[in-house]
C-alpha atoms as a PDB file:
ATOM      1  CA  MET A   1       5.240 -31.824  11.339  1.00  0.00           C
ATOM      2  CA  GLY A   2       3.914 -34.115   8.762  1.00  0.00           C
ATOM      3  CA  ALA A   3       1.328 -35.651  10.878  1.00  0.00           C
ATOM      4  CA  CYS A   4      -0.123 -32.223  12.117  1.00  0.00           C
ATOM      5  CA  LEU A   5      -0.395 -31.190   8.480  1.00  0.00           C
ATOM      6  CA  ALA A   6      -2.105 -33.936   7.299  1.00  0.00           C
ATOM      7  CA  GLY A   7      -4.816 -33.447  10.316  1.00  0.00           C
ATOM      8  CA  PHE A   8      -5.272 -30.205   9.030  1.00  0.00           C
ATOM      9  CA  PHE A   9      -5.932 -31.286   5.434  1.00  0.00           C
ATOM     10  CA  SER A  10      -8.438 -33.913   7.078  1.00  0.00           C
ATOM     11  CA  PRO A  11     -12.062 -33.384   7.976  1.00  0.00           C
ATOM     12  CA  PRO A  12     -13.632 -30.716   9.152  1.00  0.00           C
ATOM     13  CA  TYR A  13     -10.877 -28.649   8.210  1.00  0.00           C
ATOM     14  CA  SER A  14     -10.743 -29.536   4.598  1.00  0.00           C
ATOM     15  CA  LYS A  15     -14.046 -28.523   3.996  1.00  0.00           C
ATOM     16  CA  LEU A  16     -13.347 -24.940   5.052  1.00  0.00           C
ATOM     17  CA  THR A  17     -12.431 -22.362   2.147  1.00  0.00           C
ATOM     18  CA  TYR A  18     -10.730 -18.895   2.598  1.00  0.00           C
ATOM     19  CA  SER A  19     -10.041 -16.107   0.015  1.00  0.00           C
ATOM     20  CA  THR A  20      -6.055 -15.964   0.992  1.00  0.00           C
ATOM     21  CA  PRO A  21      -3.674 -18.051   2.224  1.00  0.00           C
ATOM     22  CA  TYR A  22      -2.972 -15.572   5.086  1.00  0.00           C
ATOM     23  CA  GLU A  23      -6.649 -16.624   6.355  1.00  0.00           C
ATOM     24  CA  GLN A  24      -5.513 -20.496   6.035  1.00  0.00           C
ATOM     25  CA  LEU A  25      -2.706 -20.183   8.117  1.00  0.00           C
ATOM     26  CA  VAL A  26      -4.316 -18.154  10.829  1.00  0.00           C
ATOM     27  CA  CYS A  27      -7.387 -20.045  11.009  1.00  0.00           C
ATOM     28  CA  PHE A  28      -5.226 -23.116  11.246  1.00  0.00           C
ATOM     29  CA  CYS A  29      -3.436 -21.628  13.888  1.00  0.00           C
ATOM     30  CA  GLY A  30      -6.686 -20.577  15.761  1.00  0.00           C
ATOM     31  CA  LEU A  31      -7.997 -24.606  15.644  1.00  0.00           C
ATOM     32  CA  GLN A  32      -5.061 -25.898  16.696  1.00  0.00           C
ATOM     33  CA  LEU A  33      -4.491 -23.613  19.483  1.00  0.00           C
ATOM     34  CA  LYS A  34      -8.420 -24.450  20.668  1.00  0.00           C
ATOM     35  CA  SER A  35      -7.665 -28.208  20.552  1.00  0.00           C
ATOM     36  CA  VAL A  36      -4.444 -27.576  22.504  1.00  0.00           C
ATOM     37  CA  VAL A  37      -6.281 -25.568  25.179  1.00  0.00           C
ATOM     38  CA  SER A  38      -8.983 -28.249  25.360  1.00  0.00           C
ATOM     39  CA  SER A  39      -6.637 -31.077  25.601  1.00  0.00           C
ATOM     40  CA  CYS A  40      -5.048 -29.526  28.503  1.00  0.00           C
ATOM     41  CA  GLU A  41      -7.794 -30.414  30.834  1.00  0.00           C
ATOM     42  CA  LYS A  42      -7.322 -34.189  30.076  1.00  0.00           C
ATOM     43  CA  GLU A  43      -4.751 -36.560  31.412  1.00  0.00           C
ATOM     44  CA  VAL A  44      -1.869 -35.896  29.196  1.00  0.00           C
ATOM     45  CA  SER A  45      -0.007 -39.355  27.697  1.00  0.00           C
ATOM     46  CA  PRO A  46       3.688 -39.340  26.460  1.00  0.00           C
ATOM     47  CA  THR A  47       2.341 -39.897  22.805  1.00  0.00           C
ATOM     48  CA  GLU A  48      -0.443 -36.761  23.208  1.00  0.00           C
ATOM     49  CA  CYS A  49       2.778 -34.736  24.473  1.00  0.00           C
ATOM     50  CA  GLU A  50       4.725 -35.083  21.688  1.00  0.00           C
ATOM     51  CA  HIS A  51       1.821 -34.503  19.579  1.00  0.00           C
ATOM     52  CA  LYS A  52       1.142 -31.628  21.109  1.00  0.00           C
ATOM     53  CA  GLU A  53       4.435 -30.450  20.765  1.00  0.00           C
ATOM     54  CA  CYS A  54       4.783 -30.686  17.192  1.00  0.00           C
ATOM     55  CA  LYS A  55       1.532 -28.541  17.371  1.00  0.00           C
ATOM     56  CA  ARG A  56       3.239 -26.037  19.113  1.00  0.00           C
ATOM     57  CA  GLN A  57       6.561 -26.183  16.901  1.00  0.00           C
ATOM     58  CA  MET A  58       3.984 -25.816  13.903  1.00  0.00           C
ATOM     59  CA  LEU A  59       2.311 -22.816  15.245  1.00  0.00           C
ATOM     60  CA  GLU A  60       5.875 -21.038  16.036  1.00  0.00           C
ATOM     61  CA  SER A  61       6.958 -21.648  12.394  1.00  0.00           C
ATOM     62  CA  LEU A  62       3.513 -20.191  10.975  1.00  0.00           C
ATOM     63  CA  ILE A  63       3.943 -17.463  13.122  1.00  0.00           C
ATOM     64  CA  PHE A  64       7.464 -16.921  11.856  1.00  0.00           C
ATOM     65  CA  GLU A  65       6.251 -17.198   8.370  1.00  0.00           C
ATOM     66  CA  LEU A  66       3.608 -14.552   8.958  1.00  0.00           C
ATOM     67  CA  ARG A  67       6.176 -12.197  10.498  1.00  0.00           C
ATOM     68  CA  ASN A  68       8.193 -12.769   7.231  1.00  0.00           C
ATOM     69  CA  THR A  69       5.130 -12.118   5.101  1.00  0.00           C
ATOM     70  CA  VAL A  70       4.396  -8.713   6.789  1.00  0.00           C
ATOM     71  CA  THR A  71       8.314  -7.526   6.296  1.00  0.00           C
ATOM     72  CA  GLU A  72       7.989  -8.566   2.578  1.00  0.00           C
ATOM     73  CA  LEU A  73       4.546  -6.524   1.999  1.00  0.00           C
ATOM     74  CA  GLU A  74       5.873  -3.588   3.840  1.00  0.00           C
ATOM     75  CA  LYS A  75       9.110  -3.664   1.637  1.00  0.00           C
ATOM     76  CA  SER A  76       6.523  -3.547  -1.561  1.00  0.00           C
ATOM     77  CA  LEU A  77       4.610  -0.847  -0.090  1.00  0.00           C
ATOM     78  CA  ASN A  78       7.673   1.293   0.498  1.00  0.00           C
ATOM     79  CA  THR A  79       8.833   0.519  -3.443  1.00  0.00           C
ATOM     80  CA  VAL A  80       5.132   1.472  -4.592  1.00  0.00           C
ATOM     81  CA  ASP A  81       5.417   5.023  -2.644  1.00  0.00           C
ATOM     82  CA  ASN A  82       8.465   5.907  -4.081  1.00  0.00           C
ATOM     83  CA  GLU A  83       6.936   4.659  -7.634  1.00  0.00           C
ATOM     84  CA  GLY A  84       4.019   6.900  -6.948  1.00  0.00           C
ATOM     85  CA  ASN A  85       5.833   9.846  -5.930  1.00  0.00           C
ATOM     86  CA  GLU A  86       7.599   9.697  -9.086  1.00  0.00           C
ATOM     87  CA  TRP A  87       4.539   9.587 -11.348  1.00  0.00           C
ATOM     88  CA  LYS A  88       3.105  12.339  -9.023  1.00  0.00           C
ATOM     89  CA  THR A  89       5.770  14.586  -9.972  1.00  0.00           C
ATOM     90  CA  ARG A  90       5.694  13.438 -13.534  1.00  0.00           C
ATOM     91  CA  TYR A  91       1.947  14.189 -13.421  1.00  0.00           C
ATOM     92  CA  GLU A  92       2.176  17.499 -11.884  1.00  0.00           C
ATOM     93  CA  THR A  93       5.109  18.795 -14.480  1.00  0.00           C
ATOM     94  CA  GLN A  94       3.105  17.860 -17.490  1.00  0.00           C
ATOM     95  CA  VAL A  95      -0.053  19.690 -15.919  1.00  0.00           C
ATOM     96  CA  GLU A  96       2.050  22.743 -15.610  1.00  0.00           C
ATOM     97  CA  LEU A  97       3.416  22.353 -19.370  1.00  0.00           C
ATOM     98  CA  ASN A  98       0.049  22.203 -20.766  1.00  0.00           C
ATOM     99  CA  LYS A  99      -0.994  25.362 -18.991  1.00  0.00           C
ATOM    100  CA  GLN A 100       1.634  27.242 -20.379  1.00  0.00           C
ATOM    101  CA  LEU A 101       0.892  25.947 -23.889  1.00  0.00           C
ATOM    102  CA  GLU A 102      -2.661  26.905 -23.584  1.00  0.00           C
ATOM    103  CA  ARG A 103      -1.648  30.584 -23.009  1.00  0.00           C
ATOM    104  CA  GLN A 104       0.856  30.490 -25.573  1.00  0.00           C
ATOM    105  CA  ILE A 105      -1.927  29.006 -27.940  1.00  0.00           C
ATOM    106  CA  ASN A 106      -4.381  31.954 -26.651  1.00  0.00           C
ATOM    107  CA  ILE A 107      -1.768  34.528 -27.153  1.00  0.00           C
ATOM    108  CA  LEU A 108      -1.258  33.419 -30.684  1.00  0.00           C
ATOM    109  CA  ARG A 109      -5.147  33.060 -31.311  1.00  0.00           C
ATOM    110  CA  ASP A 110      -5.373  36.699 -30.213  1.00  0.00           C
ATOM    111  CA  LYS A 111      -2.240  38.044 -32.593  1.00  0.00           C
ATOM    112  CA  VAL A 112      -3.905  36.070 -35.458  1.00  0.00           C
ATOM    113  CA  GLU A 113      -7.707  37.316 -34.975  1.00  0.00           C
ATOM    114  CA  LEU A 114      -5.847  40.998 -34.742  1.00  0.00           C
ATOM    115  CA  ILE A 115      -4.208  41.016 -37.753  1.00  0.00           C
ATOM    116  CA  ARG A 116      -7.238  39.428 -39.774  1.00  0.00           C
ATOM    117  CA  ARG A 117      -9.252  42.512 -38.580  1.00  0.00           C
ATOM    118  CA  ASN A 118      -6.593  45.386 -39.063  1.00  0.00           C
ATOM    119  CA  PRO A 119      -3.147  44.130 -40.434  1.00  0.00           C
ATOM    120  CA  ALA A 120      -1.795  47.763 -40.653  1.00  0.00           C
ATOM    121  CA  ALA A 121      -2.863  48.516 -36.790  1.00  0.00           C
ATOM    122  CA  TYR A 122      -1.224  45.430 -35.455  1.00  0.00           C
ATOM    123  CA  PHE A 123       2.090  46.471 -37.818  1.00  0.00           C
ATOM    124  CA  PHE A 124       2.215  49.846 -36.316  1.00  0.00           C
ATOM    125  CA  SER A 125       1.298  48.353 -32.822  1.00  0.00           C
ATOM    126  CA  LEU A 126       4.843  46.652 -32.624  1.00  0.00           C
ATOM    127  CA  ASN A 127       7.247  48.193 -30.272  1.00  0.00           C
ATOM    128  CA  TRP A 128       9.264  50.284 -33.060  1.00  0.00           C
ATOM    129  CA  PRO A 129      12.185  52.717 -31.782  1.00  0.00           C
ATOM    130  CA  THR A 130      10.979  56.575 -31.362  1.00  0.00           C
ATOM    131  CA  LEU A 131      11.964  59.095 -34.330  1.00  0.00           C
ATOM    132  CA  PRO A 132      14.971  60.799 -32.180  1.00  0.00           C
ATOM    133  CA  GLU A 133      16.803  57.225 -31.999  1.00  0.00           C
ATOM    134  CA  LEU A 134      16.549  57.111 -35.722  1.00  0.00           C
ATOM    135  CA  THR A 135      19.120  58.174 -38.311  1.00  0.00           C
ATOM    136  CA  VAL A 136      17.838  59.477 -41.145  1.00  0.00           C
ATOM    137  CA  GLY A 137      18.793  56.069 -43.091  1.00  0.00           C
ATOM    138  CA  ALA A 138      16.859  53.856 -40.424  1.00  0.00           C
ATOM    139  CA  PHE A 139      14.012  56.191 -40.724  1.00  0.00           C
ATOM    140  CA  CYS A 140      13.789  55.503 -44.525  1.00  0.00           C
ATOM    141  CA  ILE A 141      14.235  51.777 -43.581  1.00  0.00           C
ATOM    142  CA  TRP A 142      11.504  52.070 -40.852  1.00  0.00           C
ATOM    143  CA  THR A 143       9.140  53.842 -43.844  1.00  0.00           C
ATOM    144  CA  LYS A 144       9.672  51.316 -46.367  1.00  0.00           C
ATOM    145  CA  ILE A 145       8.837  48.506 -43.854  1.00  0.00           C
ATOM    146  CA  SER A 146       5.629  50.218 -42.691  1.00  0.00           C
ATOM    147  CA  SER A 147       4.523  50.275 -46.444  1.00  0.00           C
ATOM    148  CA  ALA A 148       4.933  46.721 -46.727  1.00  0.00           C
ATOM    149  CA  SER A 149       2.738  44.973 -48.989  1.00  0.00           C
ATOM    150  CA  LYS A 150      -0.399  42.931 -47.974  1.00  0.00           C
ATOM    151  CA  GLY A 151       1.482  39.725 -49.308  1.00  0.00           C
ATOM    152  CA  SER A 152       4.014  40.096 -46.560  1.00  0.00           C
ATOM    153  CA  LEU A 153       1.229  40.016 -43.877  1.00  0.00           C
ATOM    154  CA  LYS A 154      -0.295  37.118 -45.966  1.00  0.00           C
ATOM    155  CA  ARG A 155       2.858  34.955 -45.581  1.00  0.00           C
ATOM    156  CA  THR A 156       3.212  35.844 -41.692  1.00  0.00           C
ATOM    157  CA  LEU A 157      -0.448  35.264 -41.168  1.00  0.00           C
ATOM    158  CA  LYS A 158       0.043  31.752 -42.590  1.00  0.00           C
ATOM    159  CA  GLN A 159       3.437  31.382 -40.790  1.00  0.00           C
ATOM    160  CA  LEU A 160       1.377  31.800 -37.419  1.00  0.00           C
ATOM    161  CA  GLU A 161      -1.804  29.657 -38.335  1.00  0.00           C
ATOM    162  CA  GLU A 162       1.132  26.741 -39.198  1.00  0.00           C
ATOM    163  CA  GLU A 163       2.636  27.604 -35.881  1.00  0.00           C
ATOM    164  CA  LYS A 164      -0.657  27.235 -33.967  1.00  0.00           C
ATOM    165  CA  LYS A 165      -1.602  23.955 -35.678  1.00  0.00           C
ATOM    166  CA  SER A 166       1.856  22.646 -34.833  1.00  0.00           C
ATOM    167  CA  LEU A 167       0.955  23.855 -30.971  1.00  0.00           C
ATOM    168  CA  GLN A 168      -2.282  22.334 -31.165  1.00  0.00           C
ATOM    169  CA  ASN A 169      -1.009  19.061 -32.268  1.00  0.00           C
ATOM    170  CA  GLN A 170       1.767  19.231 -29.710  1.00  0.00           C
ATOM    171  CA  LEU A 171      -0.950  19.976 -27.226  1.00  0.00           C
ATOM    172  CA  LYS A 172      -3.166  16.824 -28.160  1.00  0.00           C
ATOM    173  CA  ASP A 173       0.249  14.738 -27.899  1.00  0.00           C
ATOM    174  CA  TYR A 174       0.919  16.024 -24.289  1.00  0.00           C
ATOM    175  CA  GLU A 175      -2.732  15.537 -23.283  1.00  0.00           C
ATOM    176  CA  LEU A 176      -2.803  11.898 -24.689  1.00  0.00           C
ATOM    177  CA  ARG A 177       0.510  11.478 -22.800  1.00  0.00           C
ATOM    178  CA  LEU A 178      -0.823  12.852 -19.654  1.00  0.00           C
ATOM    179  CA  GLU A 179      -4.068  10.548 -19.816  1.00  0.00           C
ATOM    180  CA  GLN A 180      -1.866   7.593 -19.951  1.00  0.00           C
ATOM    181  CA  GLU A 181       0.450   8.643 -17.248  1.00  0.00           C
ATOM    182  CA  ALA A 182      -2.856   9.570 -15.153  1.00  0.00           C
ATOM    183  CA  LYS A 183      -4.003   5.847 -15.421  1.00  0.00           C
ATOM    184  CA  ALA A 184      -0.817   4.431 -14.751  1.00  0.00           C
ATOM    185  CA  TYR A 185      -0.619   6.722 -11.812  1.00  0.00           C
ATOM    186  CA  HIS A 186      -4.084   5.618 -10.567  1.00  0.00           C
ATOM    187  CA  LYS A 187      -3.278   2.023 -11.122  1.00  0.00           C
ATOM    188  CA  VAL A 188      -0.173   2.301  -8.914  1.00  0.00           C
ATOM    189  CA  ASN A 189      -1.710   4.235  -5.963  1.00  0.00           C
ATOM    190  CA  ASP A 190      -4.622   1.243  -6.289  1.00  0.00           C
ATOM    191  CA  GLU A 191      -1.857  -1.247  -5.997  1.00  0.00           C
ATOM    192  CA  ARG A 192      -0.518   0.877  -2.952  1.00  0.00           C
ATOM    193  CA  ARG A 193      -3.388   0.591  -1.263  1.00  0.00           C
ATOM    194  CA  MET A 194      -4.294  -2.916  -1.769  1.00  0.00           C
ATOM    195  CA  TYR A 195      -0.586  -3.475  -0.314  1.00  0.00           C
ATOM    196  CA  LEU A 196      -1.624  -1.520   2.664  1.00  0.00           C
ATOM    197  CA  SER A 197      -4.764  -3.163   3.696  1.00  0.00           C
ATOM    198  CA  GLU A 198      -3.136  -6.638   3.221  1.00  0.00           C
ATOM    199  CA  ILE A 199      -0.625  -5.273   5.773  1.00  0.00           C
ATOM    200  CA  LEU A 200      -2.842  -4.146   8.430  1.00  0.00           C
ATOM    201  CA  GLN A 201      -5.195  -7.591   7.964  1.00  0.00           C
ATOM    202  CA  THR A 202      -1.989  -9.570   8.236  1.00  0.00           C
ATOM    203  CA  SER A 203      -0.765  -7.749  11.165  1.00  0.00           C
ATOM    204  CA  ALA A 204      -4.004  -7.900  13.095  1.00  0.00           C
ATOM    205  CA  LYS A 205      -4.202 -11.847  12.455  1.00  0.00           C
ATOM    206  CA  LEU A 206      -0.522 -12.102  13.646  1.00  0.00           C
ATOM    207  CA  LYS A 207      -1.406 -10.265  16.887  1.00  0.00           C
ATOM    208  CA  ILE A 208      -4.481 -12.222  17.346  1.00  0.00           C
ATOM    209  CA  VAL A 209      -2.237 -15.645  16.976  1.00  0.00           C
ATOM    210  CA  GLU A 210       0.224 -14.463  19.445  1.00  0.00           C
ATOM    211  CA  ARG A 211      -2.442 -13.564  21.720  1.00  0.00           C
ATOM    212  CA  GLN A 212      -4.122 -16.898  21.978  1.00  0.00           C
ATOM    213  CA  LYS A 213      -0.719 -18.547  22.061  1.00  0.00           C
ATOM    214  CA  THR A 214      -0.094 -16.737  25.465  1.00  0.00           C
ATOM    215  CA  ASP A 215      -3.616 -17.628  26.731  1.00  0.00           C
ATOM    216  CA  ALA A 216      -2.919 -20.983  25.813  1.00  0.00           C
ATOM    217  CA  VAL A 217       0.541 -21.101  27.791  1.00  0.00           C
ATOM    218  CA  THR A 218      -0.681 -18.997  30.438  1.00  0.00           C
ATOM    219  CA  GLY A 219      -3.826 -21.280  31.100  1.00  0.00           C
ATOM    220  CA  LYS A 220      -1.632 -24.537  30.828  1.00  0.00           C
ATOM    221  CA  GLY A 221       0.898 -23.266  33.903  1.00  0.00           C
ATOM    222  CA  GLU A 222      -2.448 -22.344  36.399  1.00  0.00           C
ATOM    223  CA  LYS A 223      -3.870 -25.665  35.494  1.00  0.00           C
ATOM    224  CA  GLN A 224      -0.457 -27.391  36.762  1.00  0.00           C
ATOM    225  CA  ILE A 225      -0.212 -25.180  39.629  1.00  0.00           C
ATOM    226  CA  LEU A 226      -3.725 -25.724  40.986  1.00  0.00           C
ATOM    227  CA  ARG A 227      -2.821 -29.248  40.025  1.00  0.00           C
ATOM    228  CA  GLN A 228      -0.050 -29.592  42.324  1.00  0.00           C
ATOM    229  CA  LYS A 229      -1.643 -27.615  45.211  1.00  0.00           C
ATOM    230  CA  SER A 230      -4.564 -30.351  45.084  1.00  0.00           C
ATOM    231  CA  VAL A 231      -2.284 -33.178  45.421  1.00  0.00           C
ATOM    232  CA  SER A 232      -0.532 -31.262  48.292  1.00  0.00           C
ATOM    233  CA  PHE A 233      -3.668 -30.755  50.072  1.00  0.00           C
ATOM    234  CA  GLN A 234      -4.622 -34.444  49.668  1.00  0.00           C
ATOM    235  CA  ARG A 235      -0.847 -35.817  50.861  1.00  0.00           C
ATOM    236  CA  SER A 236      -1.507 -33.258  54.068  1.00  0.00           C
ATOM    237  CA  ILE A 237      -5.084 -34.723  54.783  1.00  0.00           C
ATOM    238  CA  ILE A 238      -4.044 -38.574  54.215  1.00  0.00           C
ATOM    239  CA  LEU A 239      -0.865 -37.782  56.803  1.00  0.00           C
ATOM    240  CA  ALA A 240      -2.858 -36.160  59.382  1.00  0.00           C
ATOM    241  CA  ASN A 241      -5.675 -38.933  59.105  1.00  0.00           C
ATOM    242  CA  LYS A 242      -2.663 -41.491  59.664  1.00  0.00           C
ATOM    243  CA  LYS A 243      -1.672 -39.533  62.842  1.00  0.00           C
ATOM    244  CA  ILE A 244      -5.201 -39.696  63.870  1.00  0.00           C
ATOM    245  CA  LYS A 245      -5.354 -43.303  63.717  1.00  0.00           C
ATOM    246  CA  GLY A 246      -2.236 -43.768  65.372  1.00  0.00           C
ATOM    247  CA  CYS A 247      -3.282 -41.779  68.192  1.00  0.00           C
ATOM    248  CA  TYR A 248      -6.450 -43.845  68.581  1.00  0.00           C
ATOM    249  CA  ASP A 249      -4.430 -47.114  68.404  1.00  0.00           C
ATOM    250  CA  TYR A 250      -2.133 -46.050  70.885  1.00  0.00           C
ATOM    251  CA  HIS A 251      -4.956 -44.831  73.646  1.00  0.00           C
ATOM    252  CA  HIS A 252      -7.025 -48.260  72.680  1.00  0.00           C
ATOM    253  CA  LEU A 253      -3.584 -50.476  73.887  1.00  0.00           C
END
């Protein structure tokens, strides 16, 4: 195993550069498979057999590591998807809350504008009880309230303006939080896409390595069968020649 790795870091492999460790592993597997396939056509000595067996074991180890890497990336992808759903839910909730606050602000703004234009009209536009429902004392109280001074209306207007400012500040805080959460959501979504891309690339490379390994093993078996058939054919020719020669010698005698 050490000798095989040393061969990988020697020229010409040491001069190659790759963007990710997975590409280095897959390229190394492809180069080793090519060397194994090309060497199958030559006579195989015991030392070469051991060297090829070492390479085969190393390729199987690399394939196992690639499978583990794919499994880990899939787990990371599931984790990112769960986090992404949580951020998306928080984002949608915050957007809905902001819409409700904006509607409340618009309602309060309309009320303030109405009070500024005609405070008395706003006061009488409130849902007061009808006269038949009021007792005499209650009607007197309502009459006193309706003739409230401008000072009371100004205090009410001031209170509404303070509430408006408070709601506006609260809206700004929510908008800032919404912006931060949106950035975090987009960041997590980008990471999810990156993990998905890496999983697809690694899966494709793993399939290529397995297919190359299968092709190498199949080609080696076919060559051995052809070689055995050739040897059997040559032996049959030699036996036939011997029989013909024996018959010729017998007739010659």
